[in-house]
């Protein structure tokens, strides 16, 4: 769901997620908890580097 090579760790997706499904991993990259994610697409739309793709 998150392309770690593209993710710049800006936090935009973390701030916009309505259910708190996104956090940062040990590498400072976004990580989406698939069990919490409601697939609203807000994170994908907000990502400035197009690092998030919802299946």
PDB file of N, CA and C in Angstrom:
ATOM      1  N   UNK A   1       0.810  -1.183   0.000  1.00  0.00           N
ATOM      2  CA  UNK A   1       0.000   0.000   0.000  1.00  0.00           C
ATOM      3  C   UNK A   1       0.864   1.262   0.000  1.00  0.00           C
ATOM      4  N   UNK A   2       1.977   1.260   0.769  1.00  0.00           N
ATOM      5  CA  UNK A   2       2.879   2.417   0.771  1.00  0.00           C
ATOM      6  C   UNK A   2       4.180   2.010   0.090  1.00  0.00           C
ATOM      7  N   UNK A   3       4.570   2.772  -0.897  1.00  0.00           N
ATOM      8  CA  UNK A   3       5.841   2.558  -1.570  1.00  0.00           C
ATOM      9  C   UNK A   3       6.901   3.286  -0.740  1.00  0.00           C
ATOM     10  N   UNK A   4       7.671   2.533   0.039  1.00  0.00           N
ATOM     11  CA  UNK A   4       8.653   3.135   0.939  1.00  0.00           C
ATOM     12  C   UNK A   4       9.751   3.883   0.195  1.00  0.00           C
ATOM     13  N   UNK A   5      10.018   3.513  -1.025  1.00  0.00           N
ATOM     14  CA  UNK A   5      11.043   4.215  -1.797  1.00  0.00           C
ATOM     15  C   UNK A   5      10.577   5.625  -2.172  1.00  0.00           C
ATOM     16  N   UNK A   6       9.279   5.797  -2.340  1.00  0.00           N
ATOM     17  CA  UNK A   6       8.727   7.111  -2.708  1.00  0.00           C
ATOM     18  C   UNK A   6       8.386   7.956  -1.472  1.00  0.00           C
ATOM     19  N   UNK A   7       7.995   7.304  -0.390  1.00  0.00           N
ATOM     20  CA  UNK A   7       7.560   8.009   0.820  1.00  0.00           C
ATOM     21  C   UNK A   7       8.692   8.885   1.368  1.00  0.00           C
ATOM     22  N   UNK A   8       8.355  10.150   1.648  1.00  0.00           N
ATOM     23  CA  UNK A   8       9.342  11.084   2.192  1.00  0.00           C
ATOM     24  C   UNK A   8       9.111  11.352   3.682  1.00  0.00           C
ATOM     25  N   UNK A   9       8.139  10.674   4.273  1.00  0.00           N
ATOM     26  CA  UNK A   9       7.886  10.810   5.703  1.00  0.00           C
ATOM     27  C   UNK A   9       7.356  12.166   6.122  1.00  0.00           C
ATOM     28  N   UNK A  10       6.594  12.815   5.252  1.00  0.00           N
ATOM     29  CA  UNK A  10       6.115  14.172   5.535  1.00  0.00           C
ATOM     30  C   UNK A  10       4.998  14.213   6.581  1.00  0.00           C
ATOM     31  N   UNK A  11       4.259  13.120   6.735  1.00  0.00           N
ATOM     32  CA  UNK A  11       3.198  13.058   7.730  1.00  0.00           C
ATOM     33  C   UNK A  11       1.834  13.532   7.275  1.00  0.00           C
ATOM     34  N   UNK A  12       1.709  13.942   6.034  1.00  0.00           N
ATOM     35  CA  UNK A  12       0.424  14.413   5.529  1.00  0.00           C
ATOM     36  C   UNK A  12      -0.648  13.337   5.659  1.00  0.00           C
ATOM     37  N   UNK A  13      -0.312  12.121   5.299  1.00  0.00           N
ATOM     38  CA  UNK A  13      -1.277  11.023   5.365  1.00  0.00           C
ATOM     39  C   UNK A  13      -1.673  10.704   6.804  1.00  0.00           C
ATOM     40  N   UNK A  14      -0.710  10.781   7.719  1.00  0.00           N
ATOM     41  CA  UNK A  14      -0.985  10.521   9.134  1.00  0.00           C
ATOM     42  C   UNK A  14      -1.997  11.544   9.651  1.00  0.00           C
ATOM     43  N   UNK A  15      -1.796  12.787   9.298  1.00  0.00           N
ATOM     44  CA  UNK A  15      -2.673  13.866   9.770  1.00  0.00           C
ATOM     45  C   UNK A  15      -4.075  13.786   9.194  1.00  0.00           C
ATOM     46  N   UNK A  16      -4.207  13.301   7.971  1.00  0.00           N
ATOM     47  CA  UNK A  16      -5.510  13.311   7.303  1.00  0.00           C
ATOM     48  C   UNK A  16      -6.344  12.047   7.529  1.00  0.00           C
ATOM     49  N   UNK A  17      -5.727  10.970   7.962  1.00  0.00           N
ATOM     50  CA  UNK A  17      -6.454   9.705   8.143  1.00  0.00           C
ATOM     51  C   UNK A  17      -7.525   9.846   9.230  1.00  0.00           C
ATOM     52  N   UNK A  18      -8.800   9.623   8.879  1.00  0.00           N
ATOM     53  CA  UNK A  18      -9.883   9.826   9.844  1.00  0.00           C
ATOM     54  C   UNK A  18      -9.975   8.755  10.926  1.00  0.00           C
ATOM     55  N   UNK A  19      -9.296   7.630  10.736  1.00  0.00           N
ATOM     56  CA  UNK A  19      -9.387   6.543  11.713  1.00  0.00           C
ATOM     57  C   UNK A  19      -8.046   6.215  12.380  1.00  0.00           C
ATOM     58  N   UNK A  20      -7.024   7.001  12.124  1.00  0.00           N
ATOM     59  CA  UNK A  20      -5.728   6.780  12.758  1.00  0.00           C
ATOM     60  C   UNK A  20      -5.051   5.490  12.350  1.00  0.00           C
ATOM     61  N   UNK A  21      -5.226   5.114  11.095  1.00  0.00           N
ATOM     62  CA  UNK A  21      -4.678   3.845  10.615  1.00  0.00           C
ATOM     63  C   UNK A  21      -3.236   3.943  10.126  1.00  0.00           C
ATOM     64  N   UNK A  22      -2.669   5.151  10.120  1.00  0.00           N
ATOM     65  CA  UNK A  22      -1.334   5.326   9.574  1.00  0.00           C
ATOM     66  C   UNK A  22      -0.373   5.802  10.657  1.00  0.00           C
ATOM     67  N   UNK A  23       0.779   5.174  10.688  1.00  0.00           N
ATOM     68  CA  UNK A  23       1.840   5.565  11.613  1.00  0.00           C
ATOM     69  C   UNK A  23       3.155   5.482  10.858  1.00  0.00           C
ATOM     70  N   UNK A  24       4.235   5.855  11.522  1.00  0.00           N
ATOM     71  CA  UNK A  24       5.546   5.758  10.899  1.00  0.00           C
ATOM     72  C   UNK A  24       6.253   4.501  11.378  1.00  0.00           C
ATOM     73  N   UNK A  25       6.948   3.830  10.459  1.00  0.00           N
ATOM     74  CA  UNK A  25       7.721   2.660  10.850  1.00  0.00           C
ATOM     75  C   UNK A  25       9.098   3.100  11.338  1.00  0.00           C
ATOM     76  N   UNK A  26       9.943   2.154  11.668  1.00  0.00           N
ATOM     77  CA  UNK A  26      11.266   2.467  12.225  1.00  0.00           C
ATOM     78  C   UNK A  26      12.156   3.232  11.245  1.00  0.00           C
ATOM     79  N   UNK A  27      11.818   3.191   9.962  1.00  0.00           N
ATOM     80  CA  UNK A  27      12.580   3.908   8.943  1.00  0.00           C
ATOM     81  C   UNK A  27      12.028   5.302   8.661  1.00  0.00           C
ATOM     82  N   UNK A  28      10.997   5.706   9.411  1.00  0.00           N
ATOM     83  CA  UNK A  28      10.407   7.024   9.211  1.00  0.00           C
ATOM     84  C   UNK A  28       9.484   7.102   8.008  1.00  0.00           C
ATOM     85  N   UNK A  29       9.014   5.943   7.561  1.00  0.00           N
ATOM     86  CA  UNK A  29       8.112   5.881   6.409  1.00  0.00           C
ATOM     87  C   UNK A  29       6.708   5.531   6.891  1.00  0.00           C
ATOM     88  N   UNK A  30       5.714   5.944   6.134  1.00  0.00           N
ATOM     89  CA  UNK A  30       4.325   5.672   6.496  1.00  0.00           C
ATOM     90  C   UNK A  30       4.027   4.184   6.427  1.00  0.00           C
ATOM     91  N   UNK A  31       3.206   3.745   7.367  1.00  0.00           N
ATOM     92  CA  UNK A  31       2.764   2.360   7.417  1.00  0.00           C
ATOM     93  C   UNK A  31       1.264   2.362   7.694  1.00  0.00           C
ATOM     94  N   UNK A  32       0.502   1.662   6.872  1.00  0.00           N
ATOM     95  CA  UNK A  32      -0.951   1.630   7.024  1.00  0.00           C
ATOM     96  C   UNK A  32      -1.372   0.316   7.673  1.00  0.00           C
ATOM     97  N   UNK A  33      -2.114   0.426   8.772  1.00  0.00           N
ATOM     98  CA  UNK A  33      -2.658  -0.748   9.453  1.00  0.00           C
ATOM     99  C   UNK A  33      -3.892  -1.192   8.681  1.00  0.00           C
ATOM    100  N   UNK A  34      -3.775  -2.299   7.989  1.00  0.00           N
ATOM    101  CA  UNK A  34      -4.872  -2.776   7.136  1.00  0.00           C
ATOM    102  C   UNK A  34      -6.121  -3.132   7.928  1.00  0.00           C
ATOM    103  N   UNK A  35      -5.970  -3.436   9.209  1.00  0.00           N
ATOM    104  CA  UNK A  35      -7.125  -3.773  10.029  1.00  0.00           C
ATOM    105  C   UNK A  35      -7.926  -2.532  10.432  1.00  0.00           C
ATOM    106  N   UNK A  36      -7.273  -1.386  10.491  1.00  0.00           N
ATOM    107  CA  UNK A  36      -7.950  -0.129  10.850  1.00  0.00           C
ATOM    108  C   UNK A  36      -8.424   0.651   9.628  1.00  0.00           C
ATOM    109  N   UNK A  37      -7.739   0.491   8.509  1.00  0.00           N
ATOM    110  CA  UNK A  37      -8.011   1.268   7.295  1.00  0.00           C
ATOM    111  C   UNK A  37      -9.425   1.023   6.776  1.00  0.00           C
ATOM    112  N   UNK A  38     -10.142   2.117   6.481  1.00  0.00           N
ATOM    113  CA  UNK A  38     -11.503   2.005   5.935  1.00  0.00           C
ATOM    114  C   UNK A  38     -11.527   2.281   4.433  1.00  0.00           C
ATOM    115  N   UNK A  39     -10.345   2.437   3.850  1.00  0.00           N
ATOM    116  CA  UNK A  39     -10.183   2.598   2.407  1.00  0.00           C
ATOM    117  C   UNK A  39     -10.940   3.811   1.858  1.00  0.00           C
ATOM    118  N   UNK A  40     -10.880   4.910   2.591  1.00  0.00           N
ATOM    119  CA  UNK A  40     -11.577   6.125   2.153  1.00  0.00           C
ATOM    120  C   UNK A  40     -10.829   6.863   1.043  1.00  0.00           C
ATOM    121  N   UNK A  41      -9.509   6.627   0.948  1.00  0.00           N
ATOM    122  CA  UNK A  41      -8.717   7.244  -0.102  1.00  0.00           C
ATOM    123  C   UNK A  41      -8.134   8.604   0.236  1.00  0.00           C
ATOM    124  N   UNK A  42      -8.402   9.106   1.427  1.00  0.00           N
ATOM    125  CA  UNK A  42      -7.891  10.429   1.812  1.00  0.00           C
ATOM    126  C   UNK A  42      -6.367  10.468   1.796  1.00  0.00           C
ATOM    127  N   UNK A  43      -5.742   9.424   2.278  1.00  0.00           N
ATOM    128  CA  UNK A  43      -4.273   9.392   2.320  1.00  0.00           C
ATOM    129  C   UNK A  43      -3.683   9.376   0.910  1.00  0.00           C
ATOM    130  N   UNK A  44      -4.262   8.590   0.070  1.00  0.00           N
ATOM    131  CA  UNK A  44      -3.782   8.504  -1.315  1.00  0.00           C
ATOM    132  C   UNK A  44      -3.907   9.852  -2.006  1.00  0.00           C
ATOM    133  N   UNK A  45      -5.023  10.518  -1.815  1.00  0.00           N
ATOM    134  CA  UNK A  45      -5.256  11.814  -2.454  1.00  0.00           C
ATOM    135  C   UNK A  45      -4.337  12.902  -1.896  1.00  0.00           C
ATOM    136  N   UNK A  46      -3.951  12.779  -0.628  1.00  0.00           N
ATOM    137  CA  UNK A  46      -3.150  13.818   0.009  1.00  0.00           C
ATOM    138  C   UNK A  46      -1.643  13.642  -0.160  1.00  0.00           C
ATOM    139  N   UNK A  47      -1.202  12.493  -0.568  1.00  0.00           N
ATOM    140  CA  UNK A  47       0.229  12.215  -0.651  1.00  0.00           C
ATOM    141  C   UNK A  47       0.899  13.048  -1.763  1.00  0.00           C
ATOM    142  N   UNK A  48       1.852  13.912  -1.391  1.00  0.00           N
ATOM    143  CA  UNK A  48       2.472  14.783  -2.388  1.00  0.00           C
ATOM    144  C   UNK A  48       3.430  14.067  -3.348  1.00  0.00           C
ATOM    145  N   UNK A  49       3.823  12.847  -3.007  1.00  0.00           N
ATOM    146  CA  UNK A  49       4.763  12.109  -3.865  1.00  0.00           C
ATOM    147  C   UNK A  49       4.157  10.831  -4.438  1.00  0.00           C
ATOM    148  N   UNK A  50       2.837  10.687  -4.309  1.00  0.00           N
ATOM    149  CA  UNK A  50       2.125   9.547  -4.875  1.00  0.00           C
ATOM    150  C   UNK A  50       2.699   8.206  -4.419  1.00  0.00           C
ATOM    151  N   UNK A  51       2.962   8.123  -3.090  1.00  0.00           N
ATOM    152  CA  UNK A  51       3.555   6.909  -2.538  1.00  0.00           C
ATOM    153  C   UNK A  51       2.520   5.909  -2.047  1.00  0.00           C
ATOM    154  N   UNK A  52       1.244   6.304  -2.002  1.00  0.00           N
ATOM    155  CA  UNK A  52       0.200   5.430  -1.473  1.00  0.00           C
ATOM    156  C   UNK A  52      -0.740   4.996  -2.575  1.00  0.00           C
ATOM    157  N   UNK A  53      -0.956   3.707  -2.650  1.00  0.00           N
ATOM    158  CA  UNK A  53      -1.905   3.120  -3.605  1.00  0.00           C
ATOM    159  C   UNK A  53      -2.818   2.173  -2.842  1.00  0.00           C
ATOM    160  N   UNK A  54      -4.111   2.425  -2.897  1.00  0.00           N
ATOM    161  CA  UNK A  54      -5.067   1.496  -2.301  1.00  0.00           C
ATOM    162  C   UNK A  54      -5.477   0.501  -3.359  1.00  0.00           C
ATOM    163  N   UNK A  55      -5.412  -0.760  -3.015  1.00  0.00           N
ATOM    164  CA  UNK A  55      -5.712  -1.839  -3.962  1.00  0.00           C
ATOM    165  C   UNK A  55      -7.160  -1.790  -4.402  1.00  0.00           C
TER     166      UNK A  55
END
